[in-house]
Amino acid sequence: MAVRRRRRGAAAPPEPPARSGRRPRRLSGRRAGAAMGRAPLLLLLLVATAGRAGVSAAGGPEVHSLRGSWRLGNGNGSVVLRGEVPGCVHTALHRRGLIQDPYYRFNDVMYRWISLDNWTYSRTFKTPFDIRKWQKVNLVFEGVDTVAQILINNITLGRTDNMFNRYSFDITSVIKEVNFVEVRFLSAVSYAAEQSRCHKAYSIPPACPPPVQKGECHANFIRKEQCSFSWDWGPSFPTQGIWKDVRIEAYNHYHLIYFSLTSFFVKSAQQWSLEIESIFDVVSSKPIAGLVTVNIPKLQTQQTFGVKLQPGEGSIVLLVNINKSSAVEAWWPNGHGKQTGYNMTTTFIMEAGYQIEKFSKAYFRTVELVQEPIPGSPGLSFYFKINGRPIFIKGSNWIPADSFQDRVTYDTLWLLLKSAADANMNALRVWGGGVYEQDEFYNICDEIGIMIWQDFMFACALYPTDQNYLESVRAEVSHQEDKSRPFIASSPTNGLESVKEGWLSQNPYDTHYGDTHFYDYSNDCWNWTVYPKTRFASEYGFQSWPSFSTIEKVSSTEDWSYTSNFSLHRQHHENGNDQMLQQIGHHFKLPQSTDPIKKFKDTIYLTQVMQAQCIKTETEFYRFSQSEIIKGEGHTMGALYWQLNDIWQAPSWASLEYGGKWKLLHYFAQNFFAPLLPVAYEDKDVLYIYGVSDLQAEHKLTLRVVVHAWSSLEPVCTLAKDSVTVKAQSAVLIYMESINNLLERCRNCTRKSCVITFCLVGEGGLQSPTNHHFLSSLKDAVGLEKTHLSASVSQRDDVYIFVLQTTAIAPFVSLDVGRIKGRFSDNGFLMTEKKKVVVFYPWEPTSVEELEESLTLTSLVDVV
């Protein structure tokens, strides 16, 4: 059995955040009170497009996929069915109608028996070529989930025990014209328990997840998606299956196994270069010589190299210098420039006969993690330079998009990742309790400018260090890894200080080093003083419930209450539902409707309002802290909130619901991650407004501050401050005034009767979103009136125009079109004018009539 070091066909990128076939990862810590994970972690990776391989001339390899329909049976033979490969047992049972939707109601517990059984995949296949013509034939599994015995024609080829490894078995001597292949799985739950029982030297916590998660034990003893044993936002579905491609490969002389490329900038020569690594299996007994030609037409670059492949498995590394007379366009993160890529062809012409052509895309970018002293502050900085430019990292944390990976399609990934980019994000952290994502994920990130902070697949646990486990992890890491990126030991970490302290920090929450995870559900989230003035915030968040239309699909009428058994069952975070109500109660009146379904919908709405406002406050704090040091703390250069997406329909920290629907938080993110943003906060009754900019140039702008009374759509007073200088890529104080002065100037205003809005306006259409600052809790607001909200809908080309009208100021106006898939241009806003135009971007065909029929308009005053 050979375990390979690189993903097939992945062309690695340069030195930025990275991507596919090789990415470092690590161990992660989650949430207050969680055991902080420690493990190898890779920092920022980016992505280069996976290449298409083409083989020309006679004698090229035969590749035959074994995808499709297999026979699937349980341990005692009482359940037999057809199962698709790639796939898993749960989705096979569901597709055949033998079980309901695993996500429906309490099925995660009802279907526990599936994961406790031992299942076998088998099939017969005819060899599609003449066996005698080939020197070597391999059976290759790109991914086996997880513990299995592999047999062909009743001969055991080997065993698998790592979901994240690629397994290749030499079947040259055992393949026949007609073959019978079997993959006999062992329950992951049983295997993990047995591994834990056998490990007697010392305990490796945690043994089991908290009971509220309804999960399985000892996930840390198996190299499998850790959250498949449950998490505080997801169900326990410890799957079994062939989750990636499986195929037969036959070849003579030599075979290209891996291909990757990495770009870097040589400062001394002021020139871009590409390092191309190719790994071959040479079955010839003698070295094979040949030529490799690399051609990048748009960069007028073509180089030919003489190479010699030695017998056995080995790599060749080529260094391509890009033509200096060609202007290379660097790849930039979303919001900082274009995502230029260059088509590239690599041609291998070996003396043994056939020619291999590799088509890939090269991106030119560099990434540096800067940890150096900061004047006026103890500790070290922690920020990223992309192509030599410091970049404030704006984004979120990615978890698996489904418990069943075969349901995660290209369209699923595109929708979620495009939604991240549309919310002005430039980075995502691929969290370590899930999976190394499929190549398409990283390719999409390349295309739309999303950098990836990539974890290795370890999370919130200690892990075994026996020889077998370490060997498996070593193979996993080398199969996934990109050597060109910066690494850190874990997340969170104190960076270089953690290394200095022997990898165990004296103070893991030290704000003067590295990155920070911060969760606080009891203090008032509007109080910015509770947040850490950290170098980099890589996890923080608050829960909310998904929309009623999302919950409705997996529940029944009796479940539609915040205190139903279903609502308690779906909440996997201890006291999570109560914590949401407590946080809502700081600033909003709780729903009191006697109609139970209205009360449930109102509560869902308020959880989303609360979550959006909380994370807005915290993120804006991190953004305005980027350019200052206060009492030795500051220079915050990253904000990745927990979490972007959902794995099922349940309360969680996500801003995108299962299926991709935007929560109010995601609409808020579009604004609080805007490239130009005014941010306000109060300190000792003084209002401060900062101008926050990710723009590449300094701008002279006008700050408009408007004070509104809750009781009127006419502004009480307006201030325009001209010639406000907002520096490039910084946060600067642009306005300060005591609240008392402001209220006196605006006469009839008190803290409870008025609200402040403000925006930045420049030349050539440059404008920030309009931000708001509440002077009191909204439950104490005076003058808020019951409003009549209405909307007219019309179609314009491929989008729909909603014209909203209100009779009074309306806080947190929410437009919801139920199950119709799509997103609005704005949502959850403070409506201070009689009319507002909102655009709806559909993700599937719909109509004006459908939208009108499905539309629900809600504002805070509708909650009773």
Foldseek 3Di string as FASTA:
>chain_A
DDWDQWAAQFAWAAAFQADDTAAFAAAAEDDPPFQGTWFWGFFWHAGWAGWDKDWDDPFFKDKFWPFAWWWKAWDVRPDIDIDTPVWFDVVRCCVVVVDDPCQFFPNLLVVPVVLQIKMKTKDKDFDPDDLVVFPWKKKKAQFFLAWWFKDKPNHTQGIGFARLIIDIGTCSPPDDRMMMIMIIGHRPLVVQVVQQVVPDPDHWDDQQDPVLQVFGGRLQSGNAQQCCRGDQQGGNNSIGGSNDIIIMMTHAQKDWGHKYKYWDADVVVRWIKIKIKIKMAGQDQAKWKWKKWKDFPLQVFIDIDIDIHGHGIDMDIDMGTGDPVGDDDAAAAQPADALDKTWMWMWIDIPVDMIMIIIIIYHHKHKDFFWDDDPPFPGTFGFMDIRNHTAQAEAAEDADLASISVVCDLVNLLLLVVLGSLLVGQEYEDHQSGHRDDSSNSVSCSRRRYMYTYHHNHYSIGHDDDPVVVVVVVSSNSSHHDVSYHIARYPQAQGVQCVVVVVDDPDSQDQRGGEHADEDLQDALLPQVVAFQHSEYHEYFAKAADAPLQVVVNYDPQQQACPGPSNSSSRSDVCRSVSLVNNLVQFADQFDDPPRNLSSRLRRLSSLLSRQSSVLSNLLSLQLQLADADNNGGNHRYDHYPHDEHHGRHMDRHQAYSVGAGGQNSLSSSASSDQWHWDWDDDPQKIWIKIGHQDPAKFWKKKKKFKPFQQDLDTLDIDIDGRFIDGHRHIGTRDMDGNVVVDVVSPPDDLQGMWMWMWIDGPPGDIHDIDIDRSGRPNSHPNNDDKDKDWAWDDDVQKIKIKIFIPGWFAQKAKDQRPFAWYKNHGGHTDSHGIDIIMTHGPDDDDSVSSVVRIDIDTSVVRD
